[in-house]
Amino acid sequence: MTIGSLVLVGPNAQIYTASHPLDAGKRRQGVEFGKPIIIGDDVWIGGSAVICPGVTIGEKSIIAAGAVVTKDVPPFAIVGGNPARVIRETSEF
């Protein structure tokens, strides 16, 4: 996991790098693996947000409280929801 400078993380935010195979037989064998997460500079992650394995969050983005981030977030984006989607993009930061 890579976390940039000046990143704010709200309470109960969850950042998961661990993942498991889709194949049930492999899961029964205990196979698991990690996928990297990259969080850019000046990102704000709201309380109780969930960042899923393999996601990259671009610089100066905002993750709304309670959002479930399953896909990459572009820089200067505000995302929210479950699954999280871009609400708007801004360069005001």
C-alpha atoms as a PDB file:
ATOM      1  CA  MET A   1       0.000   0.000   0.000  1.00  0.00           C
ATOM      2  CA  THR A   2       1.213   3.478  -0.862  1.00  0.00           C
ATOM      3  CA  ILE A   3      -0.224   6.528   0.905  1.00  0.00           C
ATOM      4  CA  GLY A   4       0.713   9.999  -0.310  1.00  0.00           C
ATOM      5  CA  SER A   5       1.378  13.173   1.662  1.00  0.00           C
ATOM      6  CA  LEU A   6      -1.296  15.075   3.573  1.00  0.00           C
ATOM      7  CA  VAL A   7      -3.915  12.309   3.304  1.00  0.00           C
ATOM      8  CA  LEU A   8      -6.855  12.646   5.701  1.00  0.00           C
ATOM      9  CA  VAL A   9      -8.612   9.445   6.809  1.00  0.00           C
ATOM     10  CA  GLY A  10     -11.896   9.622   8.726  1.00  0.00           C
ATOM     11  CA  PRO A  11     -12.889   7.310  11.569  1.00  0.00           C
ATOM     12  CA  ASN A  12     -13.751   3.702  10.745  1.00  0.00           C
ATOM     13  CA  ALA A  13     -12.422   3.977   7.184  1.00  0.00           C
ATOM     14  CA  GLN A  14     -11.361   0.558   5.927  1.00  0.00           C
ATOM     15  CA  ILE A  15      -8.535  -0.056   3.464  1.00  0.00           C
ATOM     16  CA  TYR A  16      -8.329  -3.665   2.278  1.00  0.00           C
ATOM     17  CA  THR A  17      -5.451  -5.118   0.272  1.00  0.00           C
ATOM     18  CA  ALA A  18      -6.264  -8.801   0.889  1.00  0.00           C
ATOM     19  CA  SER A  19      -8.310 -10.676  -1.702  1.00  0.00           C
ATOM     20  CA  HIS A  20      -9.350 -14.239  -2.516  1.00  0.00           C
ATOM     21  CA  PRO A  21      -9.817 -16.260  -5.724  1.00  0.00           C
ATOM     22  CA  LEU A  22     -13.244 -16.427  -7.351  1.00  0.00           C
ATOM     23  CA  ASP A  23     -12.873 -20.211  -7.615  1.00  0.00           C
ATOM     24  CA  ALA A  24     -14.443 -21.813  -4.516  1.00  0.00           C
ATOM     25  CA  GLY A  25     -12.066 -24.778  -4.639  1.00  0.00           C
ATOM     26  CA  LYS A  26      -9.051 -22.511  -4.361  1.00  0.00           C
ATOM     27  CA  ARG A  27     -10.671 -20.574  -1.518  1.00  0.00           C
ATOM     28  CA  ARG A  28     -11.242 -23.876   0.322  1.00  0.00           C
ATOM     29  CA  GLN A  29      -7.507 -24.508  -0.034  1.00  0.00           C
ATOM     30  CA  GLY A  30      -6.854 -21.238   1.785  1.00  0.00           C
ATOM     31  CA  VAL A  31      -5.458 -19.373  -1.205  1.00  0.00           C
ATOM     32  CA  GLU A  32      -5.402 -15.619  -0.777  1.00  0.00           C
ATOM     33  CA  PHE A  33      -3.371 -12.780  -2.222  1.00  0.00           C
ATOM     34  CA  GLY A  34      -2.854  -9.052  -1.911  1.00  0.00           C
ATOM     35  CA  LYS A  35      -3.597  -6.330  -4.427  1.00  0.00           C
ATOM     36  CA  PRO A  36      -1.853  -2.981  -3.975  1.00  0.00           C
ATOM     37  CA  ILE A  37      -3.725   0.204  -3.108  1.00  0.00           C
ATOM     38  CA  ILE A  38      -2.290   3.577  -4.091  1.00  0.00           C
ATOM     39  CA  ILE A  39      -3.598   6.762  -2.489  1.00  0.00           C
ATOM     40  CA  GLY A  40      -2.318  10.018  -3.985  1.00  0.00           C
ATOM     41  CA  ASP A  41      -1.346  13.250  -2.231  1.00  0.00           C
ATOM     42  CA  ASP A  42      -3.967  15.487  -0.576  1.00  0.00           C
ATOM     43  CA  VAL A  43      -6.736  12.855  -0.624  1.00  0.00           C
ATOM     44  CA  TRP A  44      -9.568  13.039   1.907  1.00  0.00           C
ATOM     45  CA  ILE A  45     -11.233   9.720   2.802  1.00  0.00           C
ATOM     46  CA  GLY A  46     -14.457  10.191   4.759  1.00  0.00           C
ATOM     47  CA  GLY A  47     -15.515   8.165   7.771  1.00  0.00           C
ATOM     48  CA  SER A  48     -16.626   4.561   7.239  1.00  0.00           C
ATOM     49  CA  ALA A  49     -15.485   4.575   3.604  1.00  0.00           C
ATOM     50  CA  VAL A  50     -14.259   1.244   2.222  1.00  0.00           C
ATOM     51  CA  ILE A  51     -11.329   1.079  -0.205  1.00  0.00           C
ATOM     52  CA  CYS A  52     -11.252  -2.293  -1.985  1.00  0.00           C
ATOM     53  CA  PRO A  53      -8.139  -4.182  -3.136  1.00  0.00           C
ATOM     54  CA  GLY A  54      -6.301  -2.964  -6.228  1.00  0.00           C
ATOM     55  CA  VAL A  55      -7.746   0.571  -6.251  1.00  0.00           C
ATOM     56  CA  THR A  56      -5.766   3.707  -7.096  1.00  0.00           C
ATOM     57  CA  ILE A  57      -7.091   7.030  -5.790  1.00  0.00           C
ATOM     58  CA  GLY A  58      -5.832  10.074  -7.683  1.00  0.00           C
ATOM     59  CA  GLU A  59      -4.394  13.152  -6.027  1.00  0.00           C
ATOM     60  CA  LYS A  60      -6.655  15.737  -4.402  1.00  0.00           C
ATOM     61  CA  SER A  61      -9.718  13.468  -4.611  1.00  0.00           C
ATOM     62  CA  ILE A  62     -12.428  13.257  -1.980  1.00  0.00           C
ATOM     63  CA  ILE A  63     -14.047   9.970  -0.982  1.00  0.00           C
ATOM     64  CA  ALA A  64     -17.438  10.587   0.638  1.00  0.00           C
ATOM     65  CA  ALA A  65     -18.281   9.100   4.009  1.00  0.00           C
ATOM     66  CA  GLY A  66     -19.631   5.568   3.635  1.00  0.00           C
ATOM     67  CA  ALA A  67     -18.494   5.204   0.005  1.00  0.00           C
ATOM     68  CA  VAL A  68     -17.418   1.767  -1.215  1.00  0.00           C
ATOM     69  CA  VAL A  69     -14.602   2.321  -3.714  1.00  0.00           C
ATOM     70  CA  THR A  70     -14.313  -0.645  -6.076  1.00  0.00           C
ATOM     71  CA  LYS A  71     -12.675   1.085  -9.072  1.00  0.00           C
ATOM     72  CA  ASP A  72      -9.885   3.600  -9.634  1.00  0.00           C
ATOM     73  CA  VAL A  73     -10.672   7.228  -8.807  1.00  0.00           C
ATOM     74  CA  PRO A  74      -9.277   9.938 -11.111  1.00  0.00           C
ATOM     75  CA  PRO A  75      -7.416  12.940  -9.702  1.00  0.00           C
ATOM     76  CA  PHE A  76      -9.548  15.899  -8.549  1.00  0.00           C
ATOM     77  CA  ALA A  77     -12.709  13.755  -8.289  1.00  0.00           C
ATOM     78  CA  ILE A  78     -15.387  13.619  -5.630  1.00  0.00           C
ATOM     79  CA  VAL A  79     -16.831  10.105  -5.344  1.00  0.00           C
ATOM     80  CA  GLY A  80     -19.587   8.610  -3.224  1.00  0.00           C
ATOM     81  CA  GLY A  81     -22.106   5.813  -3.036  1.00  0.00           C
ATOM     82  CA  ASN A  82     -22.077   2.028  -3.099  1.00  0.00           C
ATOM     83  CA  PRO A  83     -20.413   1.264  -5.388  1.00  0.00           C
ATOM     84  CA  ALA A  84     -18.722   4.654  -5.458  1.00  0.00           C
ATOM     85  CA  ARG A  85     -19.095   6.737  -8.596  1.00  0.00           C
ATOM     86  CA  VAL A  86     -17.804  10.144  -9.606  1.00  0.00           C
ATOM     87  CA  ILE A  87     -20.212  12.791  -8.358  1.00  0.00           C
ATOM     88  CA  ARG A  88     -18.221  15.593  -9.907  1.00  0.00           C
ATOM     89  CA  GLU A  89     -14.728  16.520 -10.922  1.00  0.00           C
ATOM     90  CA  THR A  90     -13.124  19.724  -9.821  1.00  0.00           C
ATOM     91  CA  SER A  91      -9.850  21.561  -9.979  1.00  0.00           C
ATOM     92  CA  GLU A  92     -10.795  23.932  -7.146  1.00  0.00           C
ATOM     93  CA  PHE A  93      -8.422  22.294  -4.697  1.00  0.00           C
END
